[in-house]
């Protein structure tokens, strides 16, 4: 998900260095089922690049559709008790890859815009629209909350612009400061490194473009 959609905490998965890319089983055991299923479903498109999984997928039907259905059902259950993991899974859900060519050429259904509204509502219920840097919460959570807010913001602005719908998020109703290098740290500030410019910039550029898109939408 990094660097395009940095909505997962690498620190919480134990991915504390650039060279260590696979989380321990003990870390995965702590991830809620709906988020874990969304991560697996998102990653399945890359099985062709793994020698073992590539062969395994040849003899077994793809579990992607089952996984995404599980994600949606669990989100619908868990959305009544707000948690960051529910929002993370929901963001991955709307970014799922189309499973047939027909969906690549058809417009988004009304469901998608309604689901974006649920995501925005969930983000506000979690207080993501409020600047959290002064809060007494762990540093990793502050970074995650800020990245999640800007991911939700970008979804709202891009999809409202492309679908011709009024946005859910309005300028006077949030006060989160712009992303900076500190939002991409891995682990304690004194111990671990940030993302390099090559990996950090894409998401920040996406957010900046979304802000420009909001100005254009407001102008018209």
N, C-alpha and C. Protein backbone atom coordinates (compact mmCIF):
# COMPACT_ATOMS: atom_id res chain seq x y z
N UNK A 1 0.81 -1.19 0.00
CA UNK A 1 0.00 0.00 0.00
C UNK A 1 0.86 1.27 0.00
N UNK A 2 2.05 1.15 0.53
CA UNK A 2 2.97 2.26 0.39
C UNK A 2 3.64 2.16 -0.98
N UNK A 3 3.86 3.29 -1.66
CA UNK A 3 3.60 4.65 -1.20
C UNK A 3 2.27 5.24 -1.68
N UNK A 4 1.53 4.51 -2.51
CA UNK A 4 0.35 5.09 -3.14
C UNK A 4 -0.77 5.38 -2.16
N UNK A 5 -1.01 4.47 -1.23
CA UNK A 5 -2.12 4.63 -0.29
C UNK A 5 -1.64 4.20 1.11
N UNK A 6 -0.90 5.07 1.79
CA UNK A 6 -0.28 4.69 3.08
C UNK A 6 -1.26 4.73 4.25
N UNK A 7 -2.20 3.80 4.27
CA UNK A 7 -3.24 3.83 5.30
C UNK A 7 -3.06 2.71 6.33
N UNK A 8 -1.95 1.99 6.26
CA UNK A 8 -1.65 0.95 7.23
C UNK A 8 -0.43 1.39 8.04
N UNK A 9 -0.42 1.12 9.34
CA UNK A 9 0.72 1.45 10.17
C UNK A 9 1.78 0.37 10.05
N UNK A 10 2.90 0.68 9.44
CA UNK A 10 3.99 -0.27 9.33
C UNK A 10 4.61 -0.56 10.70
N UNK A 11 4.62 0.44 11.56
CA UNK A 11 5.18 0.24 12.90
C UNK A 11 4.42 -0.85 13.64
N UNK A 12 3.09 -0.86 13.50
CA UNK A 12 2.28 -1.85 14.20
C UNK A 12 2.41 -3.24 13.59
N UNK A 13 2.89 -3.32 12.35
CA UNK A 13 3.12 -4.62 11.72
C UNK A 13 4.56 -5.09 11.91
N UNK A 14 5.35 -4.28 12.60
CA UNK A 14 6.74 -4.65 12.83
C UNK A 14 7.65 -4.40 11.65
N UNK A 15 7.19 -3.65 10.65
CA UNK A 15 8.00 -3.35 9.47
C UNK A 15 8.79 -2.07 9.75
N UNK A 16 9.78 -2.20 10.58
CA UNK A 16 10.47 -1.03 11.12
C UNK A 16 11.69 -0.60 10.34
N UNK A 17 12.07 -1.32 9.33
CA UNK A 17 13.19 -0.92 8.48
C UNK A 17 12.80 -1.11 7.02
N UNK A 18 13.47 -0.40 6.15
CA UNK A 18 13.14 -0.48 4.72
C UNK A 18 13.42 -1.87 4.16
N UNK A 19 14.37 -2.61 4.77
CA UNK A 19 14.75 -3.91 4.25
C UNK A 19 13.86 -5.04 4.77
N UNK A 20 13.04 -4.76 5.78
CA UNK A 20 12.21 -5.81 6.36
C UNK A 20 10.77 -5.60 5.92
N UNK A 21 10.30 -6.41 4.97
CA UNK A 21 9.03 -6.17 4.31
C UNK A 21 7.93 -7.15 4.70
N UNK A 22 8.24 -8.22 5.42
CA UNK A 22 7.24 -9.22 5.77
C UNK A 22 6.95 -9.18 7.26
N UNK A 23 5.70 -8.98 7.66
CA UNK A 23 5.36 -8.94 9.08
C UNK A 23 5.41 -10.34 9.70
N UNK A 24 5.68 -10.39 10.98
CA UNK A 24 5.64 -11.65 11.71
C UNK A 24 4.19 -12.11 11.87
N UNK A 25 4.01 -13.44 12.03
CA UNK A 25 2.66 -13.97 12.25
C UNK A 25 2.03 -13.37 13.49
N UNK A 26 2.84 -13.13 14.52
CA UNK A 26 2.31 -12.55 15.77
C UNK A 26 1.71 -11.17 15.53
N UNK A 27 2.30 -10.40 14.59
CA UNK A 27 1.75 -9.09 14.26
C UNK A 27 0.45 -9.21 13.49
N UNK A 28 0.38 -10.18 12.58
CA UNK A 28 -0.84 -10.38 11.80
C UNK A 28 -1.99 -10.87 12.67
N UNK A 29 -1.67 -11.61 13.74
CA UNK A 29 -2.71 -12.11 14.64
C UNK A 29 -3.47 -10.97 15.31
N UNK A 30 -2.85 -9.80 15.40
CA UNK A 30 -3.48 -8.66 16.06
C UNK A 30 -4.33 -7.82 15.11
N UNK A 31 -4.24 -8.11 13.82
CA UNK A 31 -4.99 -7.33 12.83
C UNK A 31 -6.42 -7.85 12.75
N UNK A 32 -7.44 -6.98 12.88
CA UNK A 32 -8.83 -7.43 12.77
C UNK A 32 -9.10 -8.16 11.46
N UNK A 33 -10.02 -9.12 11.49
CA UNK A 33 -10.27 -9.98 10.34
C UNK A 33 -10.66 -9.18 9.10
N UNK A 34 -11.52 -8.17 9.25
CA UNK A 34 -11.97 -7.43 8.08
C UNK A 34 -10.81 -6.68 7.40
N UNK A 35 -9.88 -6.17 8.19
CA UNK A 35 -8.73 -5.48 7.61
C UNK A 35 -7.75 -6.48 7.00
N UNK A 36 -7.54 -7.59 7.67
CA UNK A 36 -6.63 -8.60 7.16
C UNK A 36 -7.14 -9.16 5.82
N UNK A 37 -8.45 -9.41 5.75
CA UNK A 37 -9.04 -9.90 4.51
C UNK A 37 -8.89 -8.88 3.38
N UNK A 38 -9.04 -7.60 3.70
CA UNK A 38 -8.89 -6.55 2.69
C UNK A 38 -7.45 -6.47 2.20
N UNK A 39 -6.50 -6.66 3.10
CA UNK A 39 -5.09 -6.65 2.71
C UNK A 39 -4.78 -7.83 1.80
N UNK A 40 -5.26 -9.02 2.18
CA UNK A 40 -5.03 -10.21 1.35
C UNK A 40 -5.66 -10.05 -0.02
N UNK A 41 -6.90 -9.55 -0.06
CA UNK A 41 -7.59 -9.38 -1.34
C UNK A 41 -6.87 -8.36 -2.23
N UNK A 42 -6.37 -7.30 -1.62
CA UNK A 42 -5.65 -6.27 -2.38
C UNK A 42 -4.34 -6.81 -2.94
N UNK A 43 -3.71 -7.71 -2.19
CA UNK A 43 -2.40 -8.23 -2.59
C UNK A 43 -2.50 -9.37 -3.59
N UNK A 44 -3.68 -9.96 -3.75
CA UNK A 44 -3.79 -11.17 -4.55
C UNK A 44 -3.42 -10.96 -6.01
N UNK A 45 -3.56 -9.75 -6.50
CA UNK A 45 -3.22 -9.49 -7.90
C UNK A 45 -1.72 -9.65 -8.17
N UNK A 46 -0.93 -9.73 -7.09
CA UNK A 46 0.52 -9.86 -7.27
C UNK A 46 1.02 -11.29 -7.10
N UNK A 47 0.12 -12.26 -7.00
CA UNK A 47 0.56 -13.65 -6.79
C UNK A 47 1.40 -14.16 -7.96
N UNK A 48 1.20 -13.60 -9.13
CA UNK A 48 1.97 -14.06 -10.30
C UNK A 48 3.46 -13.81 -10.15
N UNK A 49 3.82 -12.92 -9.22
CA UNK A 49 5.23 -12.59 -9.01
C UNK A 49 5.87 -13.44 -7.92
N UNK A 50 5.11 -14.37 -7.34
CA UNK A 50 5.63 -15.24 -6.30
C UNK A 50 5.64 -16.68 -6.83
N UNK A 51 6.79 -17.33 -6.77
CA UNK A 51 6.93 -18.67 -7.35
C UNK A 51 5.94 -19.67 -6.76
N UNK A 52 5.79 -19.65 -5.43
CA UNK A 52 4.92 -20.63 -4.77
C UNK A 52 3.45 -20.31 -5.00
N UNK A 53 3.06 -19.05 -4.76
CA UNK A 53 1.65 -18.67 -4.89
C UNK A 53 1.17 -18.77 -6.34
N UNK A 54 2.06 -18.50 -7.26
CA UNK A 54 1.70 -18.59 -8.68
C UNK A 54 1.26 -20.00 -9.04
N UNK A 55 2.02 -20.99 -8.59
CA UNK A 55 1.67 -22.38 -8.86
C UNK A 55 0.41 -22.78 -8.10
N UNK A 56 0.31 -22.34 -6.86
CA UNK A 56 -0.84 -22.68 -6.02
C UNK A 56 -2.13 -22.15 -6.61
N UNK A 57 -2.10 -20.93 -7.15
CA UNK A 57 -3.32 -20.33 -7.70
C UNK A 57 -3.79 -21.03 -8.97
N UNK A 58 -2.89 -21.78 -9.60
CA UNK A 58 -3.25 -22.51 -10.81
C UNK A 58 -4.23 -23.64 -10.51
N UNK A 59 -4.11 -24.23 -9.33
CA UNK A 59 -4.93 -25.39 -8.96
C UNK A 59 -6.10 -25.05 -8.05
N UNK A 60 -6.23 -23.79 -7.67
CA UNK A 60 -7.32 -23.40 -6.77
C UNK A 60 -8.02 -22.16 -7.33
N UNK A 61 -9.32 -22.08 -7.13
CA UNK A 61 -10.08 -20.91 -7.58
C UNK A 61 -9.66 -19.68 -6.79
N UNK A 62 -9.70 -18.54 -7.44
CA UNK A 62 -9.31 -17.30 -6.79
C UNK A 62 -10.24 -16.99 -5.61
N UNK A 63 -9.68 -16.66 -4.45
CA UNK A 63 -10.51 -16.35 -3.28
C UNK A 63 -10.89 -14.87 -3.19
N UNK A 64 -10.52 -14.08 -4.20
CA UNK A 64 -10.67 -12.63 -4.09
C UNK A 64 -12.12 -12.20 -3.88
N UNK A 65 -13.01 -12.75 -4.68
CA UNK A 65 -14.43 -12.36 -4.55
C UNK A 65 -14.97 -12.71 -3.17
N UNK A 66 -14.60 -13.88 -2.65
CA UNK A 66 -15.03 -14.30 -1.32
C UNK A 66 -14.46 -13.37 -0.25
N UNK A 67 -13.20 -13.00 -0.42
CA UNK A 67 -12.56 -12.11 0.55
C UNK A 67 -13.23 -10.74 0.58
N UNK A 68 -13.50 -10.17 -0.61
CA UNK A 68 -14.13 -8.85 -0.64
C UNK A 68 -15.55 -8.90 -0.08
N UNK A 69 -16.26 -9.97 -0.34
CA UNK A 69 -17.60 -10.11 0.24
C UNK A 69 -17.51 -10.18 1.76
N UNK A 70 -16.51 -10.89 2.26
CA UNK A 70 -16.29 -10.98 3.70
C UNK A 70 -15.98 -9.59 4.28
N UNK A 71 -15.14 -8.86 3.56
CA UNK A 71 -14.78 -7.51 4.01
C UNK A 71 -16.01 -6.63 4.14
N UNK A 72 -16.85 -6.64 3.10
CA UNK A 72 -18.04 -5.77 3.12
C UNK A 72 -19.00 -6.16 4.23
N UNK A 73 -19.22 -7.45 4.40
CA UNK A 73 -20.14 -7.91 5.45
C UNK A 73 -19.63 -7.53 6.85
N UNK A 74 -18.33 -7.70 7.06
CA UNK A 74 -17.76 -7.37 8.36
C UNK A 74 -17.73 -5.87 8.61
N UNK A 75 -17.47 -5.08 7.56
CA UNK A 75 -17.53 -3.62 7.70
C UNK A 75 -18.94 -3.20 8.11
N UNK A 76 -19.94 -3.79 7.47
CA UNK A 76 -21.34 -3.45 7.79
C UNK A 76 -21.67 -3.76 9.24
N UNK A 77 -21.06 -4.81 9.79
CA UNK A 77 -21.28 -5.15 11.19
C UNK A 77 -20.49 -4.24 12.12
N UNK A 78 -19.23 -4.01 11.77
CA UNK A 78 -18.32 -3.30 12.67
C UNK A 78 -18.49 -1.78 12.62
N UNK A 79 -19.14 -1.25 11.60
CA UNK A 79 -19.23 0.20 11.44
C UNK A 79 -20.02 0.84 12.58
N UNK A 80 -20.79 0.03 13.30
CA UNK A 80 -21.56 0.56 14.43
C UNK A 80 -20.66 0.86 15.63
N UNK A 81 -19.46 0.30 15.67
CA UNK A 81 -18.50 0.59 16.73
C UNK A 81 -17.22 1.10 16.06
N UNK A 82 -17.06 2.41 16.05
CA UNK A 82 -16.01 3.04 15.27
C UNK A 82 -14.61 2.59 15.70
N UNK A 83 -13.83 2.17 14.71
CA UNK A 83 -12.42 1.83 14.91
C UNK A 83 -11.65 2.19 13.65
N UNK A 84 -10.38 2.51 13.82
CA UNK A 84 -9.57 2.87 12.66
C UNK A 84 -9.51 1.73 11.66
N UNK A 85 -9.48 0.49 12.15
CA UNK A 85 -9.37 -0.67 11.26
C UNK A 85 -10.57 -0.77 10.31
N UNK A 86 -11.75 -0.36 10.77
CA UNK A 86 -12.94 -0.40 9.92
C UNK A 86 -12.77 0.58 8.76
N UNK A 87 -12.27 1.77 9.08
CA UNK A 87 -12.04 2.78 8.04
C UNK A 87 -10.97 2.32 7.07
N UNK A 88 -9.92 1.72 7.57
CA UNK A 88 -8.85 1.21 6.70
C UNK A 88 -9.39 0.17 5.73
N UNK A 89 -10.17 -0.76 6.25
CA UNK A 89 -10.75 -1.81 5.39
C UNK A 89 -11.69 -1.20 4.36
N UNK A 90 -12.46 -0.19 4.76
CA UNK A 90 -13.40 0.45 3.84
C UNK A 90 -12.67 1.16 2.70
N UNK A 91 -11.56 1.81 3.02
CA UNK A 91 -10.78 2.48 1.98
C UNK A 91 -10.20 1.48 1.00
N UNK A 92 -9.73 0.36 1.52
CA UNK A 92 -9.22 -0.69 0.62
C UNK A 92 -10.35 -1.27 -0.22
N UNK A 93 -11.52 -1.38 0.36
CA UNK A 93 -12.66 -1.95 -0.35
C UNK A 93 -13.01 -1.14 -1.60
N UNK A 94 -13.02 0.18 -1.49
CA UNK A 94 -13.39 0.99 -2.65
C UNK A 94 -12.24 1.07 -3.67
N UNK A 95 -11.06 0.56 -3.29
CA UNK A 95 -9.94 0.54 -4.22
C UNK A 95 -9.69 -0.84 -4.80
N UNK A 96 -10.63 -1.75 -4.59
CA UNK A 96 -10.43 -3.10 -5.13
C UNK A 96 -10.37 -3.07 -6.65
N UNK A 97 -9.55 -3.95 -7.20
CA UNK A 97 -9.39 -4.02 -8.64
C UNK A 97 -10.60 -4.69 -9.29
N UNK A 98 -11.09 -4.15 -10.42
CA UNK A 98 -12.20 -4.80 -11.13
C UNK A 98 -11.81 -6.21 -11.52
N UNK A 99 -12.76 -7.13 -11.41
CA UNK A 99 -12.45 -8.54 -11.69
C UNK A 99 -12.86 -8.97 -13.10
N UNK A 100 -13.40 -8.03 -13.88
CA UNK A 100 -13.70 -8.35 -15.28
C UNK A 100 -13.56 -7.08 -16.11
N UNK A 101 -13.38 -7.25 -17.41
CA UNK A 101 -13.14 -6.12 -18.28
C UNK A 101 -14.33 -5.19 -18.38
N UNK A 102 -15.54 -5.72 -18.23
CA UNK A 102 -16.74 -4.89 -18.35
C UNK A 102 -16.74 -3.77 -17.30
N UNK A 103 -16.28 -4.10 -16.10
CA UNK A 103 -16.28 -3.10 -15.02
C UNK A 103 -15.25 -2.01 -15.25
N UNK A 104 -14.25 -2.29 -16.10
CA UNK A 104 -13.24 -1.28 -16.40
C UNK A 104 -13.79 -0.16 -17.26
N UNK A 105 -14.85 -0.44 -18.01
CA UNK A 105 -15.38 0.53 -18.96
C UNK A 105 -16.74 1.10 -18.57
N UNK A 106 -17.26 0.69 -17.42
CA UNK A 106 -18.56 1.19 -16.98
C UNK A 106 -18.39 2.23 -15.88
N UNK A 107 -19.38 3.11 -15.77
CA UNK A 107 -19.33 4.15 -14.74
C UNK A 107 -19.56 3.55 -13.36
N UNK A 108 -19.08 4.26 -12.34
CA UNK A 108 -19.31 3.80 -10.97
C UNK A 108 -20.80 3.82 -10.65
N UNK A 109 -21.24 2.88 -9.86
CA UNK A 109 -22.65 2.80 -9.49
C UNK A 109 -22.95 3.77 -8.36
N UNK A 110 -24.23 4.11 -8.12
CA UNK A 110 -24.59 5.00 -7.00
C UNK A 110 -24.13 4.46 -5.66
N UNK A 111 -23.98 3.14 -5.54
CA UNK A 111 -23.52 2.56 -4.28
C UNK A 111 -22.18 3.15 -3.85
N UNK A 112 -21.27 3.33 -4.82
CA UNK A 112 -19.93 3.77 -4.49
C UNK A 112 -19.96 5.15 -3.83
N UNK A 113 -20.75 6.05 -4.37
CA UNK A 113 -20.81 7.40 -3.78
C UNK A 113 -21.45 7.35 -2.39
N UNK A 114 -22.44 6.52 -2.22
CA UNK A 114 -23.05 6.37 -0.90
C UNK A 114 -22.05 5.79 0.10
N UNK A 115 -21.23 4.86 -0.38
CA UNK A 115 -20.23 4.23 0.49
C UNK A 115 -19.15 5.24 0.87
N UNK A 116 -18.80 6.13 -0.06
CA UNK A 116 -17.85 7.20 0.28
C UNK A 116 -18.42 8.07 1.39
N UNK A 117 -19.73 8.34 1.33
CA UNK A 117 -20.37 9.11 2.39
C UNK A 117 -20.26 8.42 3.74
N UNK A 118 -20.40 7.09 3.75
CA UNK A 118 -20.24 6.34 5.00
C UNK A 118 -18.81 6.45 5.51
N UNK A 119 -17.85 6.42 4.60
CA UNK A 119 -16.45 6.52 4.99
C UNK A 119 -16.17 7.89 5.61
N UNK A 120 -16.69 8.94 4.98
CA UNK A 120 -16.49 10.29 5.52
C UNK A 120 -17.15 10.41 6.90
N UNK A 121 -18.36 9.88 7.03
CA UNK A 121 -19.03 9.91 8.32
C UNK A 121 -18.27 9.16 9.39
N UNK A 122 -17.71 8.01 9.03
CA UNK A 122 -16.91 7.21 9.96
C UNK A 122 -15.65 7.96 10.37
N UNK A 123 -15.00 8.62 9.39
CA UNK A 123 -13.79 9.39 9.69
C UNK A 123 -14.08 10.50 10.69
N UNK A 124 -15.20 11.18 10.52
CA UNK A 124 -15.56 12.25 11.45
C UNK A 124 -15.94 11.69 12.82
N UNK A 125 -16.59 10.54 12.85
CA UNK A 125 -16.93 9.90 14.12
C UNK A 125 -15.67 9.53 14.90
N UNK A 126 -14.61 9.20 14.18
CA UNK A 126 -13.33 8.86 14.80
C UNK A 126 -12.49 10.11 15.13
N UNK A 127 -12.99 11.28 14.76
CA UNK A 127 -12.27 12.52 15.05
C UNK A 127 -11.08 12.78 14.15
N UNK A 128 -11.05 12.15 13.00
CA UNK A 128 -9.91 12.33 12.10
C UNK A 128 -9.86 13.72 11.50
N UNK A 129 -10.97 14.43 11.51
CA UNK A 129 -11.01 15.77 10.92
C UNK A 129 -10.43 16.83 11.86
N UNK A 130 -9.99 16.43 13.05
CA UNK A 130 -9.43 17.34 14.04
C UNK A 130 -7.93 17.09 14.14
N UNK A 131 -7.15 18.16 14.18
CA UNK A 131 -5.71 18.04 14.31
C UNK A 131 -5.37 17.29 15.61
N UNK A 132 -4.55 16.23 15.48
CA UNK A 132 -4.30 15.35 16.63
C UNK A 132 -2.87 15.42 17.16
N UNK A 133 -2.05 16.27 16.62
CA UNK A 133 -0.64 16.27 17.02
C UNK A 133 -0.43 16.63 18.49
N UNK A 134 -1.37 17.31 19.09
CA UNK A 134 -1.24 17.69 20.50
C UNK A 134 -1.93 16.69 21.42
N UNK A 135 -2.50 15.65 20.86
CA UNK A 135 -3.22 14.67 21.68
C UNK A 135 -2.24 13.74 22.40
N UNK A 136 -2.67 13.20 23.51
CA UNK A 136 -1.84 12.26 24.27
C UNK A 136 -2.03 10.84 23.82
N UNK A 137 -1.74 10.58 22.57
CA UNK A 137 -1.85 9.23 21.99
C UNK A 137 -0.51 8.85 21.40
N UNK A 138 -0.26 7.56 21.15
CA UNK A 138 1.03 7.14 20.59
C UNK A 138 1.35 7.84 19.27
N UNK A 139 2.65 8.03 19.04
CA UNK A 139 3.10 8.73 17.83
C UNK A 139 2.65 8.02 16.56
N UNK A 140 2.68 6.67 16.57
CA UNK A 140 2.28 5.94 15.36
C UNK A 140 0.82 6.20 15.03
N UNK A 141 -0.02 6.35 16.08
CA UNK A 141 -1.44 6.58 15.84
C UNK A 141 -1.67 7.99 15.29
N UNK A 142 -0.91 8.95 15.77
CA UNK A 142 -1.03 10.30 15.23
C UNK A 142 -0.71 10.31 13.74
N UNK A 143 0.39 9.64 13.38
CA UNK A 143 0.76 9.59 11.96
C UNK A 143 -0.32 8.90 11.13
N UNK A 144 -0.81 7.79 11.66
CA UNK A 144 -1.83 7.03 10.94
C UNK A 144 -3.12 7.83 10.79
N UNK A 145 -3.56 8.47 11.86
CA UNK A 145 -4.79 9.25 11.82
C UNK A 145 -4.69 10.37 10.79
N UNK A 146 -3.56 11.03 10.71
CA UNK A 146 -3.40 12.13 9.76
C UNK A 146 -3.39 11.61 8.32
N UNK A 147 -2.69 10.51 8.09
CA UNK A 147 -2.68 9.94 6.73
C UNK A 147 -4.07 9.45 6.34
N UNK A 148 -4.78 8.86 7.29
CA UNK A 148 -6.13 8.39 7.00
C UNK A 148 -7.05 9.55 6.64
N UNK A 149 -6.94 10.65 7.37
CA UNK A 149 -7.79 11.80 7.06
C UNK A 149 -7.55 12.28 5.63
N UNK A 150 -6.28 12.42 5.28
CA UNK A 150 -5.99 12.94 3.94
C UNK A 150 -6.36 11.94 2.86
N UNK A 151 -6.33 10.65 3.17
CA UNK A 151 -6.79 9.64 2.21
C UNK A 151 -8.30 9.78 2.00
N UNK A 152 -9.04 9.97 3.08
CA UNK A 152 -10.49 10.17 2.99
C UNK A 152 -10.80 11.46 2.23
N UNK A 153 -10.06 12.51 2.56
CA UNK A 153 -10.24 13.80 1.87
C UNK A 153 -10.05 13.64 0.36
N UNK A 154 -8.97 12.96 -0.03
CA UNK A 154 -8.69 12.78 -1.46
C UNK A 154 -9.79 11.98 -2.14
N UNK A 155 -10.29 10.94 -1.47
CA UNK A 155 -11.40 10.16 -2.05
C UNK A 155 -12.61 11.04 -2.28
N UNK A 156 -12.96 11.84 -1.29
CA UNK A 156 -14.13 12.70 -1.39
C UNK A 156 -13.99 13.68 -2.55
N UNK A 157 -12.83 14.32 -2.64
CA UNK A 157 -12.67 15.37 -3.65
C UNK A 157 -12.58 14.81 -5.06
N UNK A 158 -11.81 13.74 -5.24
CA UNK A 158 -11.67 13.18 -6.58
C UNK A 158 -12.98 12.57 -7.08
N UNK A 159 -13.63 11.82 -6.22
CA UNK A 159 -14.86 11.14 -6.67
C UNK A 159 -16.01 12.12 -6.86
N UNK A 160 -16.09 13.16 -6.05
CA UNK A 160 -17.14 14.16 -6.26
C UNK A 160 -16.91 14.90 -7.57
N UNK A 161 -15.64 15.17 -7.87
CA UNK A 161 -15.32 15.86 -9.12
C UNK A 161 -15.61 14.99 -10.33
N UNK A 162 -15.22 13.73 -10.27
CA UNK A 162 -15.39 12.82 -11.41
C UNK A 162 -16.84 12.38 -11.61
N UNK A 163 -17.58 12.27 -10.49
CA UNK A 163 -18.97 11.80 -10.58
C UNK A 163 -19.98 12.94 -10.64
N UNK A 164 -19.49 14.18 -10.50
CA UNK A 164 -20.40 15.32 -10.56
C UNK A 164 -21.33 15.41 -9.37
N UNK A 165 -20.83 15.07 -8.19
CA UNK A 165 -21.64 15.10 -6.97
C UNK A 165 -21.10 16.16 -6.01
N UNK A 166 -21.96 16.74 -5.18
CA UNK A 166 -21.48 17.69 -4.16
C UNK A 166 -20.62 16.96 -3.13
N UNK A 167 -19.47 17.51 -2.76
CA UNK A 167 -18.58 16.82 -1.81
C UNK A 167 -19.19 16.74 -0.41
N UNK A 168 -18.74 15.75 0.33
CA UNK A 168 -19.19 15.58 1.71
C UNK A 168 -18.37 16.45 2.67
N UNK A 169 -17.11 16.72 2.33
CA UNK A 169 -16.20 17.45 3.22
C UNK A 169 -16.14 18.92 2.79
N UNK A 170 -16.33 19.83 3.75
CA UNK A 170 -16.31 21.26 3.47
C UNK A 170 -15.19 21.94 4.25
N UNK A 171 -14.58 22.97 3.69
CA UNK A 171 -13.36 23.56 4.26
C UNK A 171 -13.47 24.02 5.71
N UNK A 172 -14.63 24.51 6.12
CA UNK A 172 -14.76 25.08 7.46
C UNK A 172 -14.95 24.02 8.54
N UNK A 173 -14.98 22.75 8.16
CA UNK A 173 -15.35 21.71 9.11
C UNK A 173 -14.20 20.78 9.50
N UNK A 174 -12.95 21.15 9.16
CA UNK A 174 -11.81 20.34 9.57
C UNK A 174 -10.59 21.24 9.69
N UNK A 175 -9.59 20.79 10.45
CA UNK A 175 -8.42 21.65 10.68
C UNK A 175 -7.10 20.87 10.72
N UNK A 176 -7.03 19.76 10.00
CA UNK A 176 -5.82 18.96 9.97
C UNK A 176 -4.76 19.65 9.10
N UNK A 177 -3.55 19.80 9.63
CA UNK A 177 -2.48 20.47 8.88
C UNK A 177 -1.97 19.57 7.75
N UNK A 178 -1.23 20.18 6.84
CA UNK A 178 -0.73 19.45 5.68
C UNK A 178 0.26 18.36 6.10
N UNK A 179 0.34 17.33 5.29
CA UNK A 179 1.28 16.24 5.54
C UNK A 179 2.72 16.73 5.41
N UNK A 180 3.60 16.17 6.24
CA UNK A 180 5.02 16.44 6.11
C UNK A 180 5.80 15.15 6.33
N UNK A 181 7.13 15.25 6.34
CA UNK A 181 7.97 14.06 6.45
C UNK A 181 7.69 13.28 7.74
N UNK A 182 7.32 13.99 8.80
CA UNK A 182 7.06 13.32 10.07
C UNK A 182 5.89 12.36 10.03
N UNK A 183 5.00 12.53 9.07
CA UNK A 183 3.84 11.64 8.95
C UNK A 183 4.18 10.31 8.29
N UNK A 184 5.43 10.17 7.83
CA UNK A 184 5.83 8.95 7.16
C UNK A 184 6.98 8.24 7.87
N UNK A 185 7.19 8.61 9.14
CA UNK A 185 8.21 7.93 9.93
C UNK A 185 7.80 6.48 10.20
N UNK A 186 8.79 5.65 10.44
CA UNK A 186 8.54 4.28 10.85
C UNK A 186 9.11 4.11 12.24
N UNK A 187 8.28 3.93 13.24
CA UNK A 187 8.77 3.74 14.59
C UNK A 187 9.12 5.06 15.25
N UNK A 188 9.80 5.03 16.41
CA UNK A 188 10.17 6.25 17.14
C UNK A 188 10.99 7.18 16.27
N UNK A 189 10.77 8.46 16.43
CA UNK A 189 11.44 9.46 15.60
C UNK A 189 12.97 9.35 15.68
N UNK A 190 13.50 9.01 16.86
CA UNK A 190 14.93 8.98 16.99
C UNK A 190 15.56 7.72 16.45
N UNK A 191 14.79 6.68 16.21
CA UNK A 191 15.39 5.41 15.88
C UNK A 191 15.28 4.98 14.44
N UNK A 192 14.22 5.39 13.76
CA UNK A 192 13.98 4.81 12.44
C UNK A 192 13.91 5.90 11.39
N UNK A 193 13.89 5.46 10.14
CA UNK A 193 13.97 6.41 9.04
C UNK A 193 12.61 6.75 8.47
N UNK A 194 12.58 7.81 7.68
CA UNK A 194 11.37 8.17 6.93
C UNK A 194 11.43 7.48 5.59
N UNK A 195 10.33 7.59 4.86
CA UNK A 195 10.35 7.14 3.46
C UNK A 195 11.27 8.04 2.67
N UNK A 196 11.87 7.53 1.65
CA UNK A 196 12.67 8.38 0.78
C UNK A 196 11.74 9.25 -0.04
N UNK A 197 12.30 10.27 -0.66
CA UNK A 197 11.47 11.19 -1.45
C UNK A 197 10.74 10.46 -2.56
N UNK A 198 11.39 9.48 -3.17
CA UNK A 198 10.78 8.77 -4.28
C UNK A 198 9.52 8.04 -3.86
N UNK A 199 9.45 7.58 -2.59
CA UNK A 199 8.28 6.83 -2.15
C UNK A 199 7.31 7.70 -1.40
N UNK A 200 7.78 8.79 -0.83
CA UNK A 200 6.90 9.63 -0.03
C UNK A 200 6.06 10.55 -0.88
N UNK A 201 6.65 11.09 -1.95
CA UNK A 201 6.02 12.15 -2.72
C UNK A 201 4.68 11.76 -3.35
N UNK A 202 4.51 10.58 -3.93
CA UNK A 202 3.26 10.30 -4.66
C UNK A 202 1.98 10.58 -3.87
N UNK A 203 1.89 10.12 -2.63
CA UNK A 203 0.66 10.33 -1.87
C UNK A 203 0.47 11.81 -1.55
N UNK A 204 1.54 12.51 -1.22
CA UNK A 204 1.43 13.94 -0.93
C UNK A 204 1.02 14.71 -2.18
N UNK A 205 1.53 14.29 -3.33
CA UNK A 205 1.12 14.92 -4.58
C UNK A 205 -0.35 14.67 -4.86
N UNK A 206 -0.81 13.45 -4.57
CA UNK A 206 -2.22 13.13 -4.76
C UNK A 206 -3.10 14.05 -3.92
N UNK A 207 -2.70 14.26 -2.67
CA UNK A 207 -3.45 15.14 -1.78
C UNK A 207 -3.44 16.58 -2.30
N UNK A 208 -2.27 17.04 -2.75
CA UNK A 208 -2.18 18.40 -3.28
C UNK A 208 -3.06 18.57 -4.52
N UNK A 209 -3.08 17.56 -5.37
CA UNK A 209 -3.95 17.62 -6.55
C UNK A 209 -5.42 17.62 -6.15
N UNK A 210 -5.74 16.88 -5.09
CA UNK A 210 -7.13 16.86 -4.61
C UNK A 210 -7.54 18.24 -4.11
N UNK A 211 -6.63 18.96 -3.48
CA UNK A 211 -6.95 20.31 -3.01
C UNK A 211 -7.17 21.25 -4.19
N UNK A 212 -6.38 21.07 -5.24
CA UNK A 212 -6.59 21.86 -6.45
C UNK A 212 -7.93 21.50 -7.08
N UNK A 213 -8.24 20.19 -7.08
CA UNK A 213 -9.53 19.75 -7.61
C UNK A 213 -10.69 20.36 -6.85
N UNK A 214 -10.54 20.49 -5.53
CA UNK A 214 -11.60 21.11 -4.72
C UNK A 214 -11.81 22.57 -5.13
N UNK A 215 -10.71 23.29 -5.36
CA UNK A 215 -10.82 24.69 -5.79
C UNK A 215 -11.53 24.79 -7.14
N UNK A 216 -11.17 23.89 -8.06
CA UNK A 216 -11.81 23.90 -9.38
C UNK A 216 -13.30 23.61 -9.25
N UNK A 217 -13.63 22.61 -8.43
CA UNK A 217 -15.03 22.24 -8.24
C UNK A 217 -15.82 23.40 -7.65
N UNK A 218 -15.24 24.06 -6.65
CA UNK A 218 -15.90 25.20 -6.02
C UNK A 218 -16.11 26.35 -7.01
N UNK A 219 -15.10 26.55 -7.87
CA UNK A 219 -15.18 27.65 -8.84
C UNK A 219 -16.33 27.44 -9.83
N UNK A 220 -16.48 26.19 -10.28
CA UNK A 220 -17.54 25.91 -11.24
C UNK A 220 -18.90 25.75 -10.58
